[in-house]
Amino acid sequence: MFERVRKIIVEELGRDESDVKPDADLRNDLGISSLEFLNAVIAFEDEFGISFDENDLDGLVTVGDIVDYVENKAVCKNA
């Protein structure tokens, strides 16, 4: 799952693959703006067939947070 999330961040947001690590802070380490973050969320929704809850977005601080969120949503969707 991490590899798929990293691929989206690299391809959609133009970040260097070596910088996209599970503990990388989206804003501070990767410099992702609010608009870029929303574009990434749309790409994640399309890629994984899930919907992000708007109330959960502020809690997504690191790449690992996104991976965990997507994994949890995918499990719930398939349950």
N, C-alpha and C. Protein backbone atom coordinates (compact mmCIF):
# COMPACT_ATOMS: atom_id res chain seq x y z
N MET A 1 0.83 -1.20 0.00
CA MET A 1 0.00 0.00 0.00
C MET A 1 0.88 1.27 0.00
N PHE A 2 1.96 1.24 0.78
CA PHE A 2 2.85 2.41 0.83
C PHE A 2 3.37 2.76 -0.56
N GLU A 3 3.74 1.75 -1.33
CA GLU A 3 4.30 2.02 -2.66
C GLU A 3 3.28 2.71 -3.55
N ARG A 4 2.04 2.33 -3.45
CA ARG A 4 0.99 2.96 -4.27
C ARG A 4 0.76 4.40 -3.84
N VAL A 5 0.76 4.64 -2.52
CA VAL A 5 0.60 6.00 -2.00
C VAL A 5 1.80 6.85 -2.44
N ARG A 6 3.00 6.31 -2.31
CA ARG A 6 4.20 7.06 -2.70
C ARG A 6 4.16 7.39 -4.19
N LYS A 7 3.74 6.45 -5.01
CA LYS A 7 3.68 6.68 -6.45
C LYS A 7 2.77 7.87 -6.77
N ILE A 8 1.64 7.96 -6.10
CA ILE A 8 0.72 9.07 -6.34
C ILE A 8 1.35 10.39 -5.93
N ILE A 9 2.01 10.41 -4.78
CA ILE A 9 2.65 11.65 -4.32
C ILE A 9 3.74 12.07 -5.29
N VAL A 10 4.51 11.12 -5.77
CA VAL A 10 5.59 11.42 -6.71
C VAL A 10 5.02 11.89 -8.06
N GLU A 11 4.07 11.15 -8.60
CA GLU A 11 3.56 11.46 -9.94
C GLU A 11 2.60 12.65 -9.95
N GLU A 12 1.70 12.72 -8.98
CA GLU A 12 0.69 13.79 -8.98
C GLU A 12 1.24 15.11 -8.45
N LEU A 13 2.16 15.02 -7.47
CA LEU A 13 2.63 16.24 -6.82
C LEU A 13 4.07 16.58 -7.15
N GLY A 14 4.74 15.72 -7.91
CA GLY A 14 6.08 16.01 -8.36
C GLY A 14 7.14 15.99 -7.27
N ARG A 15 6.92 15.19 -6.25
CA ARG A 15 7.92 15.10 -5.18
C ARG A 15 8.93 14.02 -5.51
N ASP A 16 10.14 14.16 -4.97
CA ASP A 16 11.21 13.19 -5.18
C ASP A 16 10.90 11.92 -4.41
N GLU A 17 11.00 10.79 -5.11
CA GLU A 17 10.66 9.50 -4.51
C GLU A 17 11.44 9.22 -3.23
N SER A 18 12.70 9.62 -3.18
CA SER A 18 13.53 9.34 -2.00
C SER A 18 13.08 10.14 -0.77
N ASP A 19 12.33 11.22 -0.99
CA ASP A 19 11.83 12.03 0.13
C ASP A 19 10.53 11.49 0.71
N VAL A 20 9.82 10.67 -0.06
CA VAL A 20 8.50 10.18 0.36
C VAL A 20 8.69 8.91 1.17
N LYS A 21 8.74 9.09 2.49
CA LYS A 21 8.93 8.00 3.44
C LYS A 21 7.74 7.97 4.38
N PRO A 22 7.49 6.86 5.05
CA PRO A 22 6.32 6.79 5.94
C PRO A 22 6.27 7.88 7.00
N ASP A 23 7.43 8.29 7.51
CA ASP A 23 7.43 9.29 8.58
C ASP A 23 7.58 10.73 8.06
N ALA A 24 7.57 10.91 6.75
CA ALA A 24 7.70 12.25 6.17
C ALA A 24 6.43 13.06 6.43
N ASP A 25 6.62 14.24 7.00
CA ASP A 25 5.51 15.16 7.25
C ASP A 25 5.10 15.78 5.90
N LEU A 26 3.83 15.71 5.60
CA LEU A 26 3.35 16.17 4.30
C LEU A 26 3.65 17.64 4.05
N ARG A 27 3.44 18.46 5.04
CA ARG A 27 3.62 19.90 4.86
C ARG A 27 5.06 20.33 5.13
N ASN A 28 5.62 19.88 6.24
CA ASN A 28 6.95 20.37 6.63
C ASN A 28 8.09 19.70 5.85
N ASP A 29 8.01 18.40 5.64
CA ASP A 29 9.09 17.69 4.95
C ASP A 29 8.91 17.70 3.43
N LEU A 30 7.68 17.56 2.97
CA LEU A 30 7.43 17.47 1.53
C LEU A 30 6.92 18.77 0.92
N GLY A 31 6.59 19.74 1.76
CA GLY A 31 6.15 21.04 1.26
C GLY A 31 4.85 21.00 0.49
N ILE A 32 3.96 20.10 0.88
CA ILE A 32 2.68 19.96 0.18
C ILE A 32 1.72 21.04 0.67
N SER A 33 1.21 21.84 -0.26
CA SER A 33 0.25 22.89 0.08
C SER A 33 -1.13 22.29 0.30
N SER A 34 -2.02 23.09 0.82
CA SER A 34 -3.39 22.63 1.05
C SER A 34 -4.07 22.20 -0.25
N LEU A 35 -3.85 22.97 -1.30
CA LEU A 35 -4.45 22.64 -2.59
C LEU A 35 -3.87 21.34 -3.14
N GLU A 36 -2.55 21.19 -3.04
CA GLU A 36 -1.93 19.95 -3.49
C GLU A 36 -2.44 18.76 -2.69
N PHE A 37 -2.62 18.96 -1.39
CA PHE A 37 -3.13 17.89 -0.54
C PHE A 37 -4.51 17.45 -1.00
N LEU A 38 -5.38 18.40 -1.30
CA LEU A 38 -6.73 18.07 -1.77
C LEU A 38 -6.68 17.34 -3.11
N ASN A 39 -5.78 17.76 -3.99
CA ASN A 39 -5.62 17.05 -5.26
C ASN A 39 -5.14 15.62 -5.03
N ALA A 40 -4.24 15.44 -4.07
CA ALA A 40 -3.76 14.10 -3.74
C ALA A 40 -4.89 13.25 -3.17
N VAL A 41 -5.71 13.84 -2.33
CA VAL A 41 -6.84 13.10 -1.75
C VAL A 41 -7.74 12.58 -2.87
N ILE A 42 -8.01 13.40 -3.85
CA ILE A 42 -8.84 12.97 -4.99
C ILE A 42 -8.16 11.82 -5.73
N ALA A 43 -6.86 11.92 -5.91
CA ALA A 43 -6.12 10.85 -6.58
C ALA A 43 -6.15 9.56 -5.76
N PHE A 44 -6.03 9.68 -4.43
CA PHE A 44 -6.11 8.49 -3.57
C PHE A 44 -7.51 7.87 -3.64
N GLU A 45 -8.53 8.70 -3.64
CA GLU A 45 -9.90 8.19 -3.74
C GLU A 45 -10.10 7.44 -5.05
N ASP A 46 -9.61 8.00 -6.13
CA ASP A 46 -9.72 7.34 -7.43
C ASP A 46 -8.94 6.04 -7.48
N GLU A 47 -7.71 6.06 -6.97
CA GLU A 47 -6.84 4.89 -7.02
C GLU A 47 -7.37 3.73 -6.18
N PHE A 48 -7.87 4.06 -4.99
CA PHE A 48 -8.25 3.01 -4.05
C PHE A 48 -9.75 2.77 -3.96
N GLY A 49 -10.55 3.56 -4.66
CA GLY A 49 -12.00 3.37 -4.65
C GLY A 49 -12.63 3.61 -3.29
N ILE A 50 -12.10 4.59 -2.58
CA ILE A 50 -12.62 4.93 -1.26
C ILE A 50 -12.97 6.41 -1.22
N SER A 51 -13.62 6.83 -0.13
CA SER A 51 -13.90 8.24 0.08
C SER A 51 -13.28 8.67 1.40
N PHE A 52 -12.61 9.80 1.37
CA PHE A 52 -12.05 10.37 2.58
C PHE A 52 -13.13 11.18 3.28
N ASP A 53 -13.24 11.05 4.59
CA ASP A 53 -14.15 11.85 5.37
C ASP A 53 -13.49 13.20 5.61
N GLU A 54 -14.16 14.26 5.26
CA GLU A 54 -13.60 15.61 5.39
C GLU A 54 -13.11 15.88 6.81
N ASN A 55 -13.79 15.33 7.80
CA ASN A 55 -13.41 15.55 9.20
C ASN A 55 -12.11 14.85 9.58
N ASP A 56 -11.66 13.89 8.77
CA ASP A 56 -10.44 13.15 9.06
C ASP A 56 -9.19 13.78 8.45
N LEU A 57 -9.35 14.72 7.54
CA LEU A 57 -8.22 15.23 6.77
C LEU A 57 -7.16 15.91 7.64
N ASP A 58 -7.58 16.64 8.68
CA ASP A 58 -6.60 17.33 9.53
C ASP A 58 -5.70 16.36 10.28
N GLY A 59 -6.16 15.14 10.48
CA GLY A 59 -5.37 14.15 11.19
C GLY A 59 -4.33 13.45 10.33
N LEU A 60 -4.34 13.73 9.04
CA LEU A 60 -3.39 13.10 8.12
C LEU A 60 -2.18 14.01 7.99
N VAL A 61 -1.16 13.74 8.79
CA VAL A 61 0.00 14.60 8.88
C VAL A 61 1.20 14.03 8.14
N THR A 62 1.36 12.72 8.18
CA THR A 62 2.51 12.07 7.54
C THR A 62 2.04 11.15 6.42
N VAL A 63 2.99 10.72 5.61
CA VAL A 63 2.70 9.74 4.56
C VAL A 63 2.14 8.47 5.20
N GLY A 64 2.71 8.07 6.32
CA GLY A 64 2.24 6.88 7.02
C GLY A 64 0.79 7.01 7.48
N ASP A 65 0.39 8.22 7.87
CA ASP A 65 -1.01 8.45 8.26
C ASP A 65 -1.94 8.16 7.08
N ILE A 66 -1.53 8.58 5.89
CA ILE A 66 -2.35 8.33 4.70
C ILE A 66 -2.42 6.83 4.42
N VAL A 67 -1.29 6.16 4.50
CA VAL A 67 -1.26 4.71 4.27
C VAL A 67 -2.20 4.00 5.24
N ASP A 68 -2.11 4.33 6.53
CA ASP A 68 -2.98 3.72 7.53
C ASP A 68 -4.44 4.01 7.25
N TYR A 69 -4.75 5.24 6.88
CA TYR A 69 -6.12 5.64 6.60
C TYR A 69 -6.68 4.85 5.41
N VAL A 70 -5.89 4.79 4.35
CA VAL A 70 -6.33 4.06 3.15
C VAL A 70 -6.52 2.58 3.47
N GLU A 71 -5.60 1.99 4.22
CA GLU A 71 -5.73 0.57 4.58
C GLU A 71 -6.98 0.33 5.40
N ASN A 72 -7.26 1.20 6.37
CA ASN A 72 -8.46 1.05 7.20
C ASN A 72 -9.73 1.22 6.38
N LYS A 73 -9.74 2.19 5.49
CA LYS A 73 -10.92 2.39 4.63
C LYS A 73 -11.14 1.21 3.69
N ALA A 74 -10.06 0.66 3.17
CA ALA A 74 -10.17 -0.48 2.26
C ALA A 74 -10.70 -1.70 3.00
N VAL A 75 -10.26 -1.90 4.24
CA VAL A 75 -10.74 -3.04 5.04
C VAL A 75 -12.23 -2.87 5.32
N CYS A 76 -12.64 -1.67 5.71
CA CYS A 76 -14.05 -1.40 5.99
C CYS A 76 -14.91 -1.59 4.76
N LYS A 77 -14.39 -1.16 3.62
CA LYS A 77 -15.13 -1.28 2.37
C LYS A 77 -15.35 -2.74 1.99
N ASN A 78 -14.35 -3.58 2.25
CA ASN A 78 -14.42 -4.99 1.88
C ASN A 78 -15.09 -5.86 2.94
N ALA A 79 -15.40 -5.27 4.07
CA ALA A 79 -16.01 -6.06 5.17
C ALA A 79 -17.49 -6.28 4.93
